[in-house]
Amino acid sequence: MHRGLFTFGIAVLAMILAGNVALGEEKKKPGKSYSVGEIKKVAGKLAKAMEVDNSKRADLMSALERGLSSADFKETVKEKPVNAVFVYRAGEGGVIVKFLKGDGKISFAGGRQKGTIYIKAVSAGAQIGGSAVWGVGLVMGLNKAEHFGGDYTGKATHATAGDDSAPGGQVLSLDTEEDEKKHDILLLFSGRGLSAGVGGETLSITPDW
């Protein structure tokens, strides 16, 4: 009888330990993510919510299509799924040191939809005249929605010239030492005016909720 109770106790303990391990694994799982088809639909809805005109919306969707079709994206998304999508608009100004300020709408997979965000950026670059930017942002590798926002850093490698400029792209990472909060943003954008980033860039994103 004692042997039976001992065996039963061991079995119960094993179940408890297994449950704790499962819970631990669950905590490490990334947040819900969007498929490629869902990314396109969400981006389209957000562009409409931002009242982006038809021509610029077409530019954005073209930039998004190119980004989603790139080999780099296909490789990265295997490890870092897209957990949120945002569309933003911003104006640029400045010479030598360039400033960008704007706003946008973001939707999280399985979470908040069409939330408002504010963005600003400072980078080293050359500026001729005024410049406007419309972009789509893909938030990748985000564990929790509350970790979104803050300062993101990366290298400015884009250039635009004229209304018919080719869409550009940029990858930024959240500036944090906390591994749980680390995630990236892939920006895909089109613009008008003439803008050339030649140095590091910091993009600050503030959620309005």
C-alpha atoms as a PDB file:
ATOM      1  CA  MET A   1       0.000   0.000   0.000  1.00  0.00           C
ATOM      2  CA  HIS A   2       2.793   2.396   0.951  1.00  0.00           C
ATOM      3  CA  ARG A   3       4.548   1.589  -2.316  1.00  0.00           C
ATOM      4  CA  GLY A   4       1.326   2.403  -4.198  1.00  0.00           C
ATOM      5  CA  LEU A   5       0.982   5.756  -2.414  1.00  0.00           C
ATOM      6  CA  PHE A   6       4.643   6.542  -3.114  1.00  0.00           C
ATOM      7  CA  THR A   7       4.194   5.745  -6.810  1.00  0.00           C
ATOM      8  CA  PHE A   8       1.038   7.865  -6.928  1.00  0.00           C
ATOM      9  CA  GLY A   9       2.885  10.745  -5.258  1.00  0.00           C
ATOM     10  CA  ILE A  10       5.707  10.577  -7.768  1.00  0.00           C
ATOM     11  CA  ALA A  11       3.191  10.615 -10.620  1.00  0.00           C
ATOM     12  CA  VAL A  12       1.426  13.695  -9.204  1.00  0.00           C
ATOM     13  CA  LEU A  13       4.760  15.491  -8.719  1.00  0.00           C
ATOM     14  CA  ALA A  14       5.748  14.712 -12.311  1.00  0.00           C
ATOM     15  CA  MET A  15       2.450  16.143 -13.559  1.00  0.00           C
ATOM     16  CA  ILE A  16       2.975  19.343 -11.544  1.00  0.00           C
ATOM     17  CA  LEU A  17       6.519  19.748 -12.841  1.00  0.00           C
ATOM     18  CA  ALA A  18       5.370  19.116 -16.405  1.00  0.00           C
ATOM     19  CA  GLY A  19       2.662  21.729 -15.982  1.00  0.00           C
ATOM     20  CA  ASN A  20       5.172  24.282 -14.718  1.00  0.00           C
ATOM     21  CA  VAL A  21       7.468  23.608 -17.665  1.00  0.00           C
ATOM     22  CA  ALA A  22       4.554  24.008 -20.062  1.00  0.00           C
ATOM     23  CA  LEU A  23       3.624  27.315 -18.428  1.00  0.00           C
ATOM     24  CA  GLY A  24       7.217  28.468 -18.722  1.00  0.00           C
ATOM     25  CA  GLU A  25       7.252  27.617 -22.405  1.00  0.00           C
ATOM     26  CA  GLU A  26       3.958  29.412 -22.907  1.00  0.00           C
ATOM     27  CA  LYS A  27       5.398  32.618 -21.455  1.00  0.00           C
ATOM     28  CA  LYS A  28       8.245  32.506 -23.951  1.00  0.00           C
ATOM     29  CA  LYS A  29       5.995  32.151 -26.991  1.00  0.00           C
ATOM     30  CA  PRO A  30       5.794  35.270 -29.203  1.00  0.00           C
ATOM     31  CA  GLY A  31       2.533  37.145 -29.541  1.00  0.00           C
ATOM     32  CA  LYS A  32      -0.049  36.364 -32.203  1.00  0.00           C
ATOM     33  CA  SER A  33       1.064  37.108 -35.736  1.00  0.00           C
ATOM     34  CA  TYR A  34      -0.281  38.055 -39.170  1.00  0.00           C
ATOM     35  CA  SER A  35       0.044  36.015 -42.340  1.00  0.00           C
ATOM     36  CA  VAL A  36       1.252  37.745 -45.512  1.00  0.00           C
ATOM     37  CA  GLY A  37      -2.322  38.011 -46.805  1.00  0.00           C
ATOM     38  CA  GLU A  38      -3.513  39.502 -43.518  1.00  0.00           C
ATOM     39  CA  ILE A  39      -0.663  42.039 -43.520  1.00  0.00           C
ATOM     40  CA  LYS A  40      -1.827  43.374 -46.884  1.00  0.00           C
ATOM     41  CA  LYS A  41      -5.472  43.606 -45.775  1.00  0.00           C
ATOM     42  CA  VAL A  42      -4.621  45.333 -42.505  1.00  0.00           C
ATOM     43  CA  ALA A  43      -2.273  47.795 -44.223  1.00  0.00           C
ATOM     44  CA  GLY A  44      -4.988  48.658 -46.732  1.00  0.00           C
ATOM     45  CA  LYS A  45      -7.543  49.296 -43.981  1.00  0.00           C
ATOM     46  CA  LEU A  46      -5.116  51.458 -42.020  1.00  0.00           C
ATOM     47  CA  ALA A  47      -4.221  53.495 -45.122  1.00  0.00           C
ATOM     48  CA  LYS A  48      -7.913  54.211 -45.631  1.00  0.00           C
ATOM     49  CA  ALA A  49      -8.297  55.149 -41.965  1.00  0.00           C
ATOM     50  CA  MET A  50      -5.372  57.565 -42.408  1.00  0.00           C
ATOM     51  CA  GLU A  51      -7.110  58.992 -45.503  1.00  0.00           C
ATOM     52  CA  VAL A  52      -4.044  58.408 -47.693  1.00  0.00           C
ATOM     53  CA  ASP A  53      -5.002  59.393 -51.247  1.00  0.00           C
ATOM     54  CA  ASN A  54      -5.305  56.724 -53.927  1.00  0.00           C
ATOM     55  CA  SER A  55      -1.986  57.370 -55.660  1.00  0.00           C
ATOM     56  CA  LYS A  56       0.024  57.312 -52.441  1.00  0.00           C
ATOM     57  CA  ARG A  57      -1.920  54.286 -51.217  1.00  0.00           C
ATOM     58  CA  ALA A  58      -0.904  52.498 -54.414  1.00  0.00           C
ATOM     59  CA  ASP A  59       2.739  53.480 -53.742  1.00  0.00           C
ATOM     60  CA  LEU A  60       2.520  52.116 -50.212  1.00  0.00           C
ATOM     61  CA  MET A  61       0.988  48.836 -51.282  1.00  0.00           C
ATOM     62  CA  SER A  62       3.676  48.526 -53.967  1.00  0.00           C
ATOM     63  CA  ALA A  63       6.391  49.113 -51.354  1.00  0.00           C
ATOM     64  CA  LEU A  64       4.729  46.589 -49.062  1.00  0.00           C
ATOM     65  CA  GLU A  65       4.479  44.012 -51.845  1.00  0.00           C
ATOM     66  CA  ARG A  66       8.176  44.398 -52.626  1.00  0.00           C
ATOM     67  CA  GLY A  67       9.093  44.088 -48.971  1.00  0.00           C
ATOM     68  CA  LEU A  68       6.987  40.978 -48.414  1.00  0.00           C
ATOM     69  CA  SER A  69       8.427  39.380 -51.559  1.00  0.00           C
ATOM     70  CA  SER A  70      12.060  40.023 -50.648  1.00  0.00           C
ATOM     71  CA  ALA A  71      14.325  37.138 -49.699  1.00  0.00           C
ATOM     72  CA  ASP A  72      15.455  38.993 -46.568  1.00  0.00           C
ATOM     73  CA  PHE A  73      11.890  39.315 -45.278  1.00  0.00           C
ATOM     74  CA  LYS A  74      11.055  35.685 -46.004  1.00  0.00           C
ATOM     75  CA  GLU A  75      14.137  34.589 -44.081  1.00  0.00           C
ATOM     76  CA  THR A  76      13.613  36.966 -41.135  1.00  0.00           C
ATOM     77  CA  VAL A  77       9.899  36.218 -40.669  1.00  0.00           C
ATOM     78  CA  LYS A  78      10.737  32.580 -39.927  1.00  0.00           C
ATOM     79  CA  GLU A  79      12.278  33.701 -36.630  1.00  0.00           C
ATOM     80  CA  LYS A  80      10.432  36.988 -36.125  1.00  0.00           C
ATOM     81  CA  PRO A  81       6.763  36.888 -37.179  1.00  0.00           C
ATOM     82  CA  VAL A  82       4.825  40.079 -37.892  1.00  0.00           C
ATOM     83  CA  ASN A  83       2.776  40.845 -34.766  1.00  0.00           C
ATOM     84  CA  ALA A  84       1.515  44.308 -35.720  1.00  0.00           C
ATOM     85  CA  VAL A  85       1.157  46.590 -38.741  1.00  0.00           C
ATOM     86  CA  PHE A  86       1.073  50.372 -38.819  1.00  0.00           C
ATOM     87  CA  VAL A  87       0.715  53.071 -41.451  1.00  0.00           C
ATOM     88  CA  TYR A  88       2.156  56.526 -40.873  1.00  0.00           C
ATOM     89  CA  ARG A  89       2.541  59.921 -42.523  1.00  0.00           C
ATOM     90  CA  ALA A  90       5.214  62.451 -41.674  1.00  0.00           C
ATOM     91  CA  GLY A  91       6.893  65.639 -42.823  1.00  0.00           C
ATOM     92  CA  GLU A  92      10.644  66.215 -42.949  1.00  0.00           C
ATOM     93  CA  GLY A  93      12.754  69.322 -42.589  1.00  0.00           C
ATOM     94  CA  GLY A  94      16.261  70.502 -41.758  1.00  0.00           C
ATOM     95  CA  VAL A  95      19.722  70.683 -43.291  1.00  0.00           C
ATOM     96  CA  ILE A  96      22.630  68.482 -42.124  1.00  0.00           C
ATOM     97  CA  VAL A  97      20.499  67.290 -39.201  1.00  0.00           C
ATOM     98  CA  LYS A  98      17.121  66.100 -40.455  1.00  0.00           C
ATOM     99  CA  PHE A  99      13.904  66.030 -38.442  1.00  0.00           C
ATOM    100  CA  LEU A 100      10.781  63.986 -39.113  1.00  0.00           C
ATOM    101  CA  LYS A 101       7.472  64.198 -37.257  1.00  0.00           C
ATOM    102  CA  GLY A 102       4.108  62.558 -37.874  1.00  0.00           C
ATOM    103  CA  ASP A 103       1.381  60.224 -36.742  1.00  0.00           C
ATOM    104  CA  GLY A 104      -0.111  56.878 -37.683  1.00  0.00           C
ATOM    105  CA  LYS A 105      -2.494  54.020 -36.999  1.00  0.00           C
ATOM    106  CA  ILE A 106      -1.528  50.555 -35.769  1.00  0.00           C
ATOM    107  CA  SER A 107      -3.306  47.203 -35.465  1.00  0.00           C
ATOM    108  CA  PHE A 108      -2.056  44.232 -33.421  1.00  0.00           C
ATOM    109  CA  ALA A 109      -2.785  40.629 -34.355  1.00  0.00           C
ATOM    110  CA  GLY A 110      -5.482  39.480 -31.944  1.00  0.00           C
ATOM    111  CA  GLY A 111      -5.430  42.833 -30.134  1.00  0.00           C
ATOM    112  CA  ARG A 112      -5.998  46.575 -30.413  1.00  0.00           C
ATOM    113  CA  GLN A 113      -7.100  47.797 -33.845  1.00  0.00           C
ATOM    114  CA  LYS A 114      -6.436  51.203 -35.431  1.00  0.00           C
ATOM    115  CA  GLY A 115      -4.721  52.624 -32.352  1.00  0.00           C
ATOM    116  CA  THR A 116      -3.083  56.047 -32.751  1.00  0.00           C
ATOM    117  CA  ILE A 117       0.690  56.493 -32.571  1.00  0.00           C
ATOM    118  CA  TYR A 118       2.974  59.518 -32.838  1.00  0.00           C
ATOM    119  CA  ILE A 119       6.448  59.389 -34.354  1.00  0.00           C
ATOM    120  CA  LYS A 120       9.481  61.624 -34.552  1.00  0.00           C
ATOM    121  CA  ALA A 121      12.998  61.066 -35.792  1.00  0.00           C
ATOM    122  CA  VAL A 122      16.358  62.783 -35.954  1.00  0.00           C
ATOM    123  CA  SER A 123      19.077  61.713 -38.369  1.00  0.00           C
ATOM    124  CA  ALA A 124      22.176  62.981 -40.101  1.00  0.00           C
ATOM    125  CA  GLY A 125      21.344  63.777 -43.694  1.00  0.00           C
ATOM    126  CA  ALA A 126      20.927  66.300 -46.474  1.00  0.00           C
ATOM    127  CA  GLN A 127      17.625  68.029 -47.149  1.00  0.00           C
ATOM    128  CA  ILE A 128      16.590  70.025 -50.201  1.00  0.00           C
ATOM    129  CA  GLY A 129      13.207  71.707 -49.924  1.00  0.00           C
ATOM    130  CA  GLY A 130      10.299  70.109 -48.091  1.00  0.00           C
ATOM    131  CA  SER A 131       9.675  66.392 -48.038  1.00  0.00           C
ATOM    132  CA  ALA A 132       6.753  64.197 -47.071  1.00  0.00           C
ATOM    133  CA  VAL A 133       6.830  60.501 -46.250  1.00  0.00           C
ATOM    134  CA  TRP A 134       4.112  57.853 -46.223  1.00  0.00           C
ATOM    135  CA  GLY A 135       5.052  54.482 -44.847  1.00  0.00           C
ATOM    136  CA  VAL A 136       4.012  51.035 -43.682  1.00  0.00           C
ATOM    137  CA  GLY A 137       5.656  49.550 -40.604  1.00  0.00           C
ATOM    138  CA  LEU A 138       5.829  45.838 -39.797  1.00  0.00           C
ATOM    139  CA  VAL A 139       6.477  45.057 -36.129  1.00  0.00           C
ATOM    140  CA  MET A 140       8.418  41.795 -35.925  1.00  0.00           C
ATOM    141  CA  GLY A 141       9.295  39.548 -32.990  1.00  0.00           C
ATOM    142  CA  LEU A 142       7.086  41.384 -30.478  1.00  0.00           C
ATOM    143  CA  ASN A 143       6.253  39.262 -27.403  1.00  0.00           C
ATOM    144  CA  LYS A 144       3.649  41.579 -25.858  1.00  0.00           C
ATOM    145  CA  ALA A 145       1.765  44.581 -27.244  1.00  0.00           C
ATOM    146  CA  GLU A 146       2.726  46.649 -24.184  1.00  0.00           C
ATOM    147  CA  HIS A 147       6.390  46.339 -25.187  1.00  0.00           C
ATOM    148  CA  PHE A 148       5.739  48.335 -28.366  1.00  0.00           C
ATOM    149  CA  GLY A 149       6.905  51.950 -28.396  1.00  0.00           C
ATOM    150  CA  GLY A 150      10.022  53.840 -27.374  1.00  0.00           C
ATOM    151  CA  ASP A 151      13.233  54.639 -29.221  1.00  0.00           C
ATOM    152  CA  TYR A 152      14.190  52.527 -32.235  1.00  0.00           C
ATOM    153  CA  THR A 153      17.614  52.761 -33.820  1.00  0.00           C
ATOM    154  CA  GLY A 154      19.073  51.776 -37.180  1.00  0.00           C
ATOM    155  CA  LYS A 155      20.911  53.057 -40.208  1.00  0.00           C
ATOM    156  CA  ALA A 156      19.256  55.346 -42.735  1.00  0.00           C
ATOM    157  CA  THR A 157      19.939  53.875 -46.151  1.00  0.00           C
ATOM    158  CA  HIS A 158      17.111  55.371 -48.189  1.00  0.00           C
ATOM    159  CA  ALA A 159      16.847  58.151 -50.717  1.00  0.00           C
ATOM    160  CA  THR A 160      13.828  59.600 -52.526  1.00  0.00           C
ATOM    161  CA  ALA A 161      13.593  61.997 -55.426  1.00  0.00           C
ATOM    162  CA  GLY A 162      10.337  63.361 -56.866  1.00  0.00           C
ATOM    163  CA  ASP A 163       6.788  62.110 -56.598  1.00  0.00           C
ATOM    164  CA  ASP A 164       7.568  58.950 -58.573  1.00  0.00           C
ATOM    165  CA  SER A 165      10.486  57.858 -56.399  1.00  0.00           C
ATOM    166  CA  ALA A 166      10.963  54.159 -55.837  1.00  0.00           C
ATOM    167  CA  PRO A 167       9.808  52.866 -52.443  1.00  0.00           C
ATOM    168  CA  GLY A 168      12.577  52.489 -49.862  1.00  0.00           C
ATOM    169  CA  GLY A 169      13.034  50.377 -46.758  1.00  0.00           C
ATOM    170  CA  GLN A 170      14.694  50.404 -43.363  1.00  0.00           C
ATOM    171  CA  VAL A 171      15.028  48.093 -40.343  1.00  0.00           C
ATOM    172  CA  LEU A 172      15.064  49.527 -36.811  1.00  0.00           C
ATOM    173  CA  SER A 173      15.396  47.771 -33.446  1.00  0.00           C
ATOM    174  CA  LEU A 174      14.012  48.803 -30.059  1.00  0.00           C
ATOM    175  CA  ASP A 175      16.801  50.348 -27.999  1.00  0.00           C
ATOM    176  CA  THR A 176      16.595  48.188 -24.860  1.00  0.00           C
ATOM    177  CA  GLU A 177      18.771  45.850 -22.804  1.00  0.00           C
ATOM    178  CA  GLU A 178      15.786  43.692 -21.801  1.00  0.00           C
ATOM    179  CA  ASP A 179      15.728  40.603 -24.022  1.00  0.00           C
ATOM    180  CA  GLU A 180      11.989  40.028 -23.488  1.00  0.00           C
ATOM    181  CA  LYS A 181      11.165  43.447 -24.942  1.00  0.00           C
ATOM    182  CA  LYS A 182      13.478  43.314 -27.968  1.00  0.00           C
ATOM    183  CA  HIS A 183      11.812  43.472 -31.378  1.00  0.00           C
ATOM    184  CA  ASP A 184      12.330  45.037 -34.803  1.00  0.00           C
ATOM    185  CA  ILE A 185      10.410  47.299 -37.135  1.00  0.00           C
ATOM    186  CA  LEU A 186      10.639  47.020 -40.911  1.00  0.00           C
ATOM    187  CA  LEU A 187       9.689  50.347 -42.509  1.00  0.00           C
ATOM    188  CA  LEU A 188       8.597  50.398 -46.142  1.00  0.00           C
ATOM    189  CA  PHE A 189       7.903  53.842 -47.513  1.00  0.00           C
ATOM    190  CA  SER A 190       7.490  56.197 -50.445  1.00  0.00           C
ATOM    191  CA  GLY A 191       7.948  59.956 -50.447  1.00  0.00           C
ATOM    192  CA  ARG A 192       8.185  63.202 -52.369  1.00  0.00           C
ATOM    193  CA  GLY A 193      10.796  65.925 -52.289  1.00  0.00           C
ATOM    194  CA  LEU A 194      14.478  65.014 -52.066  1.00  0.00           C
ATOM    195  CA  SER A 195      15.832  63.351 -48.958  1.00  0.00           C
ATOM    196  CA  ALA A 196      19.001  61.371 -48.331  1.00  0.00           C
ATOM    197  CA  GLY A 197      19.860  59.770 -45.010  1.00  0.00           C
ATOM    198  CA  VAL A 198      23.595  59.267 -44.610  1.00  0.00           C
ATOM    199  CA  GLY A 199      24.003  58.389 -40.944  1.00  0.00           C
ATOM    200  CA  GLY A 200      22.420  56.761 -37.929  1.00  0.00           C
ATOM    201  CA  GLU A 201      18.774  57.375 -37.174  1.00  0.00           C
ATOM    202  CA  THR A 202      16.612  57.206 -34.054  1.00  0.00           C
ATOM    203  CA  LEU A 203      12.862  56.867 -34.447  1.00  0.00           C
ATOM    204  CA  SER A 204      10.736  57.557 -31.368  1.00  0.00           C
ATOM    205  CA  ILE A 205       7.242  56.040 -31.305  1.00  0.00           C
ATOM    206  CA  THR A 206       4.666  57.044 -28.687  1.00  0.00           C
ATOM    207  CA  PRO A 207       1.388  55.064 -28.495  1.00  0.00           C
ATOM    208  CA  ASP A 208      -1.669  57.150 -27.625  1.00  0.00           C
ATOM    209  CA  TRP A 209      -3.345  54.748 -25.193  1.00  0.00           C
END
